PDB file of N, CA and C in Angstrom:
ATOM      1  N   MET A   1      81.186 101.991 152.728  1.00  0.00           N
ATOM      2  CA  MET A   1      79.964 102.716 151.776  1.00  0.00           C
ATOM      3  C   MET A   1      80.128 104.377 151.126  1.00  0.00           C
ATOM      4  N   THR A   2      79.149 104.587 150.618  1.00  0.00           N
ATOM      5  CA  THR A   2      79.311 105.377 149.662  1.00  0.00           C
ATOM      6  C   THR A   2      78.411 107.057 149.956  1.00  0.00           C
ATOM      7  N   GLN A   3      79.113 107.869 149.555  1.00  0.00           N
ATOM      8  CA  GLN A   3      78.123 108.940 150.536  1.00  0.00           C
ATOM      9  C   GLN A   3      76.913 109.188 149.544  1.00  0.00           C
ATOM     10  N   PRO A   4      76.409 109.256 150.354  1.00  0.00           N
ATOM     11  CA  PRO A   4      74.050 109.808 149.505  1.00  0.00           C
ATOM     12  C   PRO A   4      75.325 111.011 148.403  1.00  0.00           C
ATOM     13  N   LEU A   5      74.543 110.875 147.997  1.00  0.00           N
ATOM     14  CA  LEU A   5      74.128 111.533 146.422  1.00  0.00           C
ATOM     15  C   LEU A   5      73.838 113.194 146.947  1.00  0.00           C
ATOM     16  N   ALA A   6      73.218 113.425 147.766  1.00  0.00           N
ATOM     17  CA  ALA A   6      72.578 114.718 148.298  1.00  0.00           C
ATOM     18  C   ALA A   6      73.926 115.240 149.096  1.00  0.00           C
ATOM     19  N   ASP A   7      74.692 114.396 150.008  1.00  0.00           N
ATOM     20  CA  ASP A   7      75.698 114.717 150.298  1.00  0.00           C
ATOM     21  C   ASP A   7      76.858 115.712 149.380  1.00  0.00           C
ATOM     22  N   GLU A   8      77.079 114.766 148.721  1.00  0.00           N
ATOM     23  CA  GLU A   8      78.188 114.943 147.599  1.00  0.00           C
ATOM     24  C   GLU A   8      77.612 115.880 147.017  1.00  0.00           C
ATOM     25  N   ILE A   9      76.814 116.441 146.174  1.00  0.00           N
ATOM     26  CA  ILE A   9      76.221 117.663 145.945  1.00  0.00           C
ATOM     27  C   ILE A   9      76.159 118.648 146.646  1.00  0.00           C
ATOM     28  N   ARG A  10      76.426 119.224 147.702  1.00  0.00           N
ATOM     29  CA  ARG A  10      76.235 119.630 148.914  1.00  0.00           C
ATOM     30  C   ARG A  10      78.014 120.351 148.587  1.00  0.00           C
ATOM     31  N   SER A  11      78.517 119.434 148.961  1.00  0.00           N
ATOM     32  CA  SER A  11      80.348 118.970 148.906  1.00  0.00           C
ATOM     33  C   SER A  11      81.244 119.670 148.221  1.00  0.00           C
ATOM     34  N   ARG A  12      80.249 119.456 146.982  1.00  0.00           N
ATOM     35  CA  ARG A  12      80.538 119.940 145.571  1.00  0.00           C
ATOM     36  C   ARG A  12      80.509 121.196 145.497  1.00  0.00           C
ATOM     37  N   LEU A  13      79.569 121.948 145.979  1.00  0.00           N
ATOM     38  CA  LEU A  13      79.001 123.392 145.804  1.00  0.00           C
ATOM     39  C   LEU A  13      80.055 124.250 147.044  1.00  0.00           C
ATOM     40  N   ALA A  14      80.446 123.703 148.118  1.00  0.00           N
ATOM     41  CA  ALA A  14      81.343 124.238 149.288  1.00  0.00           C
ATOM     42  C   ALA A  14      81.991 124.727 149.398  1.00  0.00           C
ATOM     43  N   PHE A  15      82.364 125.611 147.475  1.00  0.00           N
ATOM     44  CA  PHE A  15      83.359 126.599 146.907  1.00  0.00           C
ATOM     45  C   PHE A  15      82.545 128.210 146.681  1.00  0.00           C
ATOM     46  N   LEU A  16      81.084 127.746 147.043  1.00  0.00           N
ATOM     47  CA  LEU A  16      80.498 129.258 146.672  1.00  0.00           C
ATOM     48  C   LEU A  16      80.573 129.696 148.272  1.00  0.00           C
ATOM     49  N   GLU A  17      80.974 128.953 149.967  1.00  0.00           N
ATOM     50  CA  GLU A  17      80.855 129.431 151.179  1.00  0.00           C
ATOM     51  C   GLU A  17      79.485 130.407 151.994  1.00  0.00           C
ATOM     52  N   ALA A  18      78.737 129.187 151.013  1.00  0.00           N
ATOM     53  CA  ALA A  18      77.422 129.943 150.919  1.00  0.00           C
ATOM     54  C   ALA A  18      76.368 129.646 152.387  1.00  0.00           C
ATOM     55  N   GLU A  19      75.353 130.884 152.750  1.00  0.00           N
ATOM     56  CA  GLU A  19      75.125 131.302 154.364  1.00  0.00           C
ATOM     57  C   GLU A  19      74.198 130.520 154.254  1.00  0.00           C
ATOM     58  N   SER A  20      73.509 129.701 153.399  1.00  0.00           N
ATOM     59  CA  SER A  20      72.225 128.343 153.289  1.00  0.00           C
ATOM     60  C   SER A  20      72.501 128.219 152.442  1.00  0.00           C
ATOM     61  N   LEU A  21      72.626 126.305 152.542  1.00  0.00           N
ATOM     62  CA  LEU A  21      72.957 125.367 151.132  1.00  0.00           C
ATOM     63  C   LEU A  21      72.223 124.289 151.603  1.00  0.00           C
ATOM     64  N   GLU A  22      71.027 124.057 150.704  1.00  0.00           N
ATOM     65  CA  GLU A  22      70.101 123.274 151.305  1.00  0.00           C
ATOM     66  C   GLU A  22      70.224 122.294 149.802  1.00  0.00           C
ATOM     67  N   VAL A  23      70.221 120.695 149.955  1.00  0.00           N
ATOM     68  CA  VAL A  23      69.665 119.589 148.646  1.00  0.00           C
ATOM     69  C   VAL A  23      68.605 119.061 149.030  1.00  0.00           C
ATOM     70  N   PHE A  24      67.632 118.545 148.363  1.00  0.00           N
ATOM     71  CA  PHE A  24      66.771 118.074 148.718  1.00  0.00           C
ATOM     72  C   PHE A  24      66.513 116.982 146.983  1.00  0.00           C
ATOM     73  N   ASP A  25      66.214 115.804 147.750  1.00  0.00           N
ATOM     74  CA  ASP A  25      66.086 114.773 146.480  1.00  0.00           C
ATOM     75  C   ASP A  25      64.152 114.581 146.914  1.00  0.00           C
ATOM     76  N   ASP A  26      64.444 114.419 145.437  1.00  0.00           N
ATOM     77  CA  ASP A  26      62.916 114.631 145.254  1.00  0.00           C
ATOM     78  C   ASP A  26      62.421 113.696 144.312  1.00  0.00           C
ATOM     79  N   SER A  27      63.426 112.263 144.114  1.00  0.00           N
ATOM     80  CA  SER A  27      64.014 111.419 143.243  1.00  0.00           C
ATOM     81  C   SER A  27      62.447 110.372 143.485  1.00  0.00           C
ATOM     82  N   ALA A  28      61.756 110.602 144.836  1.00  0.00           N
ATOM     83  CA  ALA A  28      60.016 109.645 145.387  1.00  0.00           C
ATOM     84  C   ALA A  28      59.332 110.207 144.464  1.00  0.00           C
ATOM     85  N   GLU A  29      59.427 111.624 144.268  1.00  0.00           N
ATOM     86  CA  GLU A  29      58.014 112.149 143.673  1.00  0.00           C
ATOM     87  C   GLU A  29      58.052 111.978 142.280  1.00  0.00           C
ATOM     88  N   HIS A  30      58.947 111.398 141.555  1.00  0.00           N
ATOM     89  CA  HIS A  30      59.630 111.729 140.386  1.00  0.00           C
ATOM     90  C   HIS A  30      59.513 109.490 139.455  1.00  0.00           C
ATOM     91  N   ALA A  31      58.703 108.758 140.386  1.00  0.00           N
ATOM     92  CA  ALA A  31      59.414 107.650 140.059  1.00  0.00           C
ATOM     93  C   ALA A  31      58.585 107.342 139.061  1.00  0.00           C
ATOM     94  N   GLY A  32      58.608 106.386 138.301  1.00  0.00           N
ATOM     95  CA  GLY A  32      58.177 105.981 137.269  1.00  0.00           C
ATOM     96  C   GLY A  32      58.193 107.095 136.039  1.00  0.00           C
ATOM     97  N   HIS A  33      58.662 108.229 135.524  1.00  0.00           N
ATOM     98  CA  HIS A  33      59.127 109.180 134.819  1.00  0.00           C
ATOM     99  C   HIS A  33      59.889 108.113 133.805  1.00  0.00           C
ATOM    100  N   ALA A  34      59.984 108.932 132.665  1.00  0.00           N
ATOM    101  CA  ALA A  34      60.729 108.436 131.931  1.00  0.00           C
ATOM    102  C   ALA A  34      61.965 108.640 131.477  1.00  0.00           C
ATOM    103  N   GLY A  35      61.994 110.047 132.044  1.00  0.00           N
ATOM    104  CA  GLY A  35      63.623 110.289 131.670  1.00  0.00           C
ATOM    105  C   GLY A  35      64.376 109.338 132.648  1.00  0.00           C
ATOM    106  N   VAL A  36      64.245 109.544 134.378  1.00  0.00           N
ATOM    107  CA  VAL A  36      64.344 108.996 134.939  1.00  0.00           C
ATOM    108  C   VAL A  36      65.222 107.009 134.865  1.00  0.00           C
ATOM    109  N   ARG A  37      63.698 106.354 133.878  1.00  0.00           N
ATOM    110  CA  ARG A  37      63.988 104.682 133.298  1.00  0.00           C
ATOM    111  C   ARG A  37      65.429 105.159 132.965  1.00  0.00           C
ATOM    112  N   GLU A  38      64.643 105.921 132.029  1.00  0.00           N
ATOM    113  CA  GLU A  38      65.717 105.296 131.159  1.00  0.00           C
ATOM    114  C   GLU A  38      68.100 106.164 131.639  1.00  0.00           C
ATOM    115  N   SER A  39      67.622 107.179 132.165  1.00  0.00           N
ATOM    116  CA  SER A  39      69.105 107.705 133.023  1.00  0.00           C
ATOM    117  C   SER A  39      69.831 107.086 134.243  1.00  0.00           C
ATOM    118  N   GLY A  40      68.700 106.588 134.730  1.00  0.00           N
ATOM    119  CA  GLY A  40      68.745 105.953 135.832  1.00  0.00           C
ATOM    120  C   GLY A  40      69.127 107.340 137.541  1.00  0.00           C
ATOM    121  N   GLY A  41      68.833 108.104 137.293  1.00  0.00           N
ATOM    122  CA  GLY A  41      69.518 109.686 138.228  1.00  0.00           C
ATOM    123  C   GLY A  41      68.277 109.846 138.700  1.00  0.00           C
ATOM    124  N   GLY A  42      68.228 110.756 139.589  1.00  0.00           N
ATOM    125  CA  GLY A  42      67.403 111.623 140.638  1.00  0.00           C
ATOM    126  C   GLY A  42      67.033 112.859 140.101  1.00  0.00           C
ATOM    127  N   HIS A  43      66.098 113.162 140.853  1.00  0.00           N
ATOM    128  CA  HIS A  43      65.937 114.601 140.674  1.00  0.00           C
ATOM    129  C   HIS A  43      66.102 115.242 141.932  1.00  0.00           C
ATOM    130  N   PHE A  44      66.538 116.636 142.183  1.00  0.00           N
ATOM    131  CA  PHE A  44      67.368 117.087 142.800  1.00  0.00           C
ATOM    132  C   PHE A  44      66.751 118.333 143.176  1.00  0.00           C
ATOM    133  N   GLN A  45      66.569 119.069 143.828  1.00  0.00           N
ATOM    134  CA  GLN A  45      66.467 120.503 144.210  1.00  0.00           C
ATOM    135  C   GLN A  45      67.324 121.564 145.234  1.00  0.00           C
ATOM    136  N   ALA A  46      68.270 122.221 144.327  1.00  0.00           N
ATOM    137  CA  ALA A  46      69.544 123.136 145.558  1.00  0.00           C
ATOM    138  C   ALA A  46      68.825 124.290 145.482  1.00  0.00           C
ATOM    139  N   VAL A  47      68.453 124.536 147.030  1.00  0.00           N
ATOM    140  CA  VAL A  47      68.351 126.005 147.279  1.00  0.00           C
ATOM    141  C   VAL A  47      69.823 126.615 148.142  1.00  0.00           C
ATOM    142  N   ILE A  48      70.340 127.884 147.144  1.00  0.00           N
ATOM    143  CA  ILE A  48      71.389 127.754 147.575  1.00  0.00           C
ATOM    144  C   ILE A  48      71.416 129.456 148.112  1.00  0.00           C
ATOM    145  N   ILE A  49      72.236 130.053 148.987  1.00  0.00           N
ATOM    146  CA  ILE A  49      72.553 131.754 149.432  1.00  0.00           C
ATOM    147  C   ILE A  49      73.498 131.751 149.784  1.00  0.00           C
ATOM    148  N   SER A  50      74.080 132.961 148.628  1.00  0.00           N
ATOM    149  CA  SER A  50      75.853 133.318 149.026  1.00  0.00           C
ATOM    150  C   SER A  50      76.079 134.428 148.313  1.00  0.00           C
ATOM    151  N   ASP A  51      76.857 134.738 148.654  1.00  0.00           N
ATOM    152  CA  ASP A  51      77.913 136.506 147.923  1.00  0.00           C
ATOM    153  C   ASP A  51      78.157 135.930 147.151  1.00  0.00           C
ATOM    154  N   ALA A  52      78.481 134.454 146.819  1.00  0.00           N
ATOM    155  CA  ALA A  52      79.060 134.294 145.103  1.00  0.00           C
ATOM    156  C   ALA A  52      78.139 134.872 144.110  1.00  0.00           C
ATOM    157  N   PHE A  53      76.949 134.922 144.549  1.00  0.00           N
ATOM    158  CA  PHE A  53      76.193 135.715 142.974  1.00  0.00           C
ATOM    159  C   PHE A  53      75.904 136.570 143.259  1.00  0.00           C
ATOM    160  N   GLU A  54      76.005 137.800 144.144  1.00  0.00           N
ATOM    161  CA  GLU A  54      76.206 139.173 143.667  1.00  0.00           C
ATOM    162  C   GLU A  54      76.895 139.632 142.376  1.00  0.00           C
ATOM    163  N   GLY A  55      75.973 139.924 141.771  1.00  0.00           N
ATOM    164  CA  GLY A  55      76.643 141.127 140.422  1.00  0.00           C
ATOM    165  C   GLY A  55      76.557 139.353 139.434  1.00  0.00           C
ATOM    166  N   LYS A  56      76.031 138.665 139.648  1.00  0.00           N
ATOM    167  CA  LYS A  56      75.552 137.642 138.318  1.00  0.00           C
ATOM    168  C   LYS A  56      74.341 136.886 137.954  1.00  0.00           C
ATOM    169  N   THR A  57      74.192 136.983 136.602  1.00  0.00           N
ATOM    170  CA  THR A  57      73.068 137.157 136.272  1.00  0.00           C
ATOM    171  C   THR A  57      72.250 135.024 136.422  1.00  0.00           C
ATOM    172  N   ARG A  58      71.222 135.100 136.530  1.00  0.00           N
ATOM    173  CA  ARG A  58      70.166 133.931 136.763  1.00  0.00           C
ATOM    174  C   ARG A  58      71.625 133.212 136.488  1.00  0.00           C
ATOM    175  N   VAL A  59      71.520 133.006 134.741  1.00  0.00           N
ATOM    176  CA  VAL A  59      72.134 132.046 133.856  1.00  0.00           C
ATOM    177  C   VAL A  59      73.739 131.567 134.785  1.00  0.00           C
ATOM    178  N   ALA A  60      74.551 132.578 134.331  1.00  0.00           N
ATOM    179  CA  ALA A  60      75.924 132.480 135.045  1.00  0.00           C
ATOM    180  C   ALA A  60      75.633 131.369 136.657  1.00  0.00           C
ATOM    181  N   ARG A  61      75.083 131.870 137.228  1.00  0.00           N
ATOM    182  CA  ARG A  61      74.574 131.308 139.112  1.00  0.00           C
ATOM    183  C   ARG A  61      74.228 129.956 138.831  1.00  0.00           C
ATOM    184  N   HIS A  62      73.457 129.611 137.909  1.00  0.00           N
ATOM    185  CA  HIS A  62      73.356 127.848 137.256  1.00  0.00           C
ATOM    186  C   HIS A  62      74.535 127.801 136.922  1.00  0.00           C
ATOM    187  N   ARG A  63      75.064 128.801 135.872  1.00  0.00           N
ATOM    188  CA  ARG A  63      75.998 127.683 135.345  1.00  0.00           C
ATOM    189  C   ARG A  63      77.151 127.189 136.709  1.00  0.00           C
ATOM    190  N   LEU A  64      77.812 128.196 137.536  1.00  0.00           N
ATOM    191  CA  LEU A  64      78.386 128.133 138.668  1.00  0.00           C
ATOM    192  C   LEU A  64      78.075 126.691 139.411  1.00  0.00           C
ATOM    193  N   VAL A  65      76.726 126.584 139.138  1.00  0.00           N
ATOM    194  CA  VAL A  65      76.301 125.065 140.240  1.00  0.00           C
ATOM    195  C   VAL A  65      76.669 123.881 138.963  1.00  0.00           C
ATOM    196  N   TYR A  66      75.495 124.193 137.784  1.00  0.00           N
ATOM    197  CA  TYR A  66      75.563 123.253 137.007  1.00  0.00           C
ATOM    198  C   TYR A  66      77.569 122.198 136.912  1.00  0.00           C
ATOM    199  N   ASP A  67      78.456 123.290 136.808  1.00  0.00           N
ATOM    200  CA  ASP A  67      79.909 123.094 136.344  1.00  0.00           C
ATOM    201  C   ASP A  67      80.165 122.413 137.926  1.00  0.00           C
ATOM    202  N   ALA A  68      79.412 122.515 139.184  1.00  0.00           N
ATOM    203  CA  ALA A  68      80.405 122.058 139.645  1.00  0.00           C
ATOM    204  C   ALA A  68      79.808 120.305 140.056  1.00  0.00           C
ATOM    205  N   VAL A  69      78.621 120.109 139.173  1.00  0.00           N
ATOM    206  CA  VAL A  69      78.156 118.294 139.145  1.00  0.00           C
ATOM    207  C   VAL A  69      78.270 118.406 138.089  1.00  0.00           C
ATOM    208  N   ARG A  70      78.594 118.397 136.913  1.00  0.00           N
ATOM    209  CA  ARG A  70      78.501 118.013 135.193  1.00  0.00           C
ATOM    210  C   ARG A  70      78.511 116.994 134.888  1.00  0.00           C
ATOM    211  N   ASP A  71      79.119 115.737 135.576  1.00  0.00           N
ATOM    212  CA  ASP A  71      79.919 114.790 135.629  1.00  0.00           C
ATOM    213  C   ASP A  71      78.916 113.733 135.906  1.00  0.00           C
ATOM    214  N   LEU A  72      78.105 114.522 136.727  1.00  0.00           N
ATOM    215  CA  LEU A  72      77.330 113.535 137.674  1.00  0.00           C
ATOM    216  C   LEU A  72      75.797 113.649 136.734  1.00  0.00           C
ATOM    217  N   MET A  73      75.861 114.199 136.095  1.00  0.00           N
ATOM    218  CA  MET A  73      74.013 114.185 134.901  1.00  0.00           C
ATOM    219  C   MET A  73      75.046 113.269 133.333  1.00  0.00           C
ATOM    220  N   PRO A  74      73.911 112.921 132.915  1.00  0.00           N
ATOM    221  CA  PRO A  74      72.813 112.356 133.317  1.00  0.00           C
ATOM    222  C   PRO A  74      72.529 111.039 134.624  1.00  0.00           C
ATOM    223  N   HIS A  75      73.632 110.290 134.944  1.00  0.00           N
ATOM    224  CA  HIS A  75      73.919 109.205 134.872  1.00  0.00           C
ATOM    225  C   HIS A  75      73.630 109.016 136.753  1.00  0.00           C
ATOM    226  N   ARG A  76      73.884 110.097 137.503  1.00  0.00           N
ATOM    227  CA  ARG A  76      73.632 110.071 138.888  1.00  0.00           C
ATOM    228  C   ARG A  76      72.233 111.231 138.922  1.00  0.00           C
ATOM    229  N   ILE A  77      72.134 112.258 138.304  1.00  0.00           N
ATOM    230  CA  ILE A  77      71.354 113.573 138.473  1.00  0.00           C
ATOM    231  C   ILE A  77      71.086 113.294 137.340  1.00  0.00           C
ATOM    232  N   HIS A  78      69.113 112.913 137.345  1.00  0.00           N
ATOM    233  CA  HIS A  78      68.093 113.108 135.755  1.00  0.00           C
ATOM    234  C   HIS A  78      68.060 115.181 135.724  1.00  0.00           C
ATOM    235  N   ALA A  79      67.441 115.576 137.188  1.00  0.00           N
ATOM    236  CA  ALA A  79      67.445 117.005 136.993  1.00  0.00           C
ATOM    237  C   ALA A  79      67.615 117.825 138.384  1.00  0.00           C
ATOM    238  N   LEU A  80      68.476 118.420 138.300  1.00  0.00           N
ATOM    239  CA  LEU A  80      68.746 119.421 139.026  1.00  0.00           C
ATOM    240  C   LEU A  80      68.128 121.012 139.029  1.00  0.00           C
ATOM    241  N   ALA A  81      66.759 121.190 140.073  1.00  0.00           N
ATOM    242  CA  ALA A  81      66.610 122.595 140.210  1.00  0.00           C
ATOM    243  C   ALA A  81      67.163 123.108 140.720  1.00  0.00           C
ATOM    244  N   ILE A  82      67.590 124.564 140.494  1.00  0.00           N
ATOM    245  CA  ILE A  82      68.899 125.509 141.411  1.00  0.00           C
ATOM    246  C   ILE A  82      67.393 126.755 142.043  1.00  0.00           C
ATOM    247  N   ILE A  83      67.458 126.921 143.378  1.00  0.00           N
ATOM    248  CA  ILE A  83      67.473 128.472 143.603  1.00  0.00           C
ATOM    249  C   ILE A  83      68.648 129.196 143.839  1.00  0.00           C
ATOM    250  N   ALA A  84      68.679 129.848 143.287  1.00  0.00           N
ATOM    251  CA  ALA A  84      70.506 131.554 144.203  1.00  0.00           C
ATOM    252  C   ALA A  84      70.451 132.222 144.346  1.00  0.00           C
ATOM    253  N   GLN A  85      70.375 132.345 145.557  1.00  0.00           N
ATOM    254  CA  GLN A  85      69.958 134.588 145.665  1.00  0.00           C
ATOM    255  C   GLN A  85      71.581 134.490 146.522  1.00  0.00           C
ATOM    256  N   THR A  86      71.582 135.473 146.991  1.00  0.00           N
ATOM    257  CA  THR A  86      72.757 136.885 147.209  1.00  0.00           C
ATOM    258  C   THR A  86      71.841 136.681 149.031  1.00  0.00           C
ATOM    259  N   PRO A  87      72.383 136.975 149.404  1.00  0.00           N
ATOM    260  CA  PRO A  87      71.278 136.732 150.770  1.00  0.00           C
ATOM    261  C   PRO A  87      70.525 137.797 150.949  1.00  0.00           C
ATOM    262  N   ARG A  88      70.823 139.172 150.195  1.00  0.00           N
ATOM    263  CA  ARG A  88      70.267 140.287 150.331  1.00  0.00           C
ATOM    264  C   ARG A  88      68.538 139.971 149.521  1.00  0.00           C
ATOM    265  N   GLU A  89      69.093 139.345 148.140  1.00  0.00           N
ATOM    266  CA  GLU A  89      67.789 138.902 148.011  1.00  0.00           C
ATOM    267  C   GLU A  89      66.737 137.937 148.400  1.00  0.00           C
ATOM    268  N   ALA A  90      67.503 136.666 149.645  1.00  0.00           N
ATOM    269  CA  ALA A  90      66.876 136.475 150.429  1.00  0.00           C
ATOM    270  C   ALA A  90      66.025 136.485 151.305  1.00  0.00           C
ATOM    271  N   ALA A  91      66.398 137.768 151.672  1.00  0.00           N
ATOM    272  CA  ALA A  91      65.805 138.558 153.228  1.00  0.00           C
ATOM    273  C   ALA A  91      64.790 139.254 152.825  1.00  0.00           C
ATOM    274  N   GLN A  92      64.284 139.881 151.245  1.00  0.00           N
ATOM    275  CA  GLN A  92      63.682 140.231 150.489  1.00  0.00           C
ATOM    276  C   GLN A  92      62.563 139.636 149.991  1.00  0.00           C
ATOM    277  N   SER A  93      62.918 138.118 149.813  1.00  0.00           N
ATOM    278  CA  SER A  93      61.752 137.254 149.492  1.00  0.00           C
ATOM    279  C   SER A  93      60.870 136.711 150.246  1.00  0.00           C
ATOM    280  N   PRO A  94      59.195 136.631 149.454  1.00  0.00           N
ATOM    281  CA  PRO A  94      58.271 135.895 150.900  1.00  0.00           C
ATOM    282  C   PRO A  94      58.770 134.839 150.990  1.00  0.00           C
ATOM    283  N   GLU A  95      58.035 134.197 152.757  1.00  0.00           N
ATOM    284  CA  GLU A  95      58.665 132.629 152.601  1.00  0.00           C
ATOM    285  C   GLU A  95      57.739 131.481 152.176  1.00  0.00           C
TER     286      GLU A  95
END
């Protein structure tokens, strides 16, 4: 049995030693979307709280995440939304 893709994404992001790492499969909400039909990949959202993001710009944070899953795009992942915060930023964010 193959590992579900959300679990594989979590595994690939383990290097960030996240305080919190959630990966959501939002593919069902995008069924019928033209890009999904063409690539066959799913839509995912990653919410990551990690000290690894300290001192990094938003672009640098996203680049770290995309580099870890780049080979899964576009055939297994069509779209990946990323929320990448430090623990301090997450504590200051409204719920």
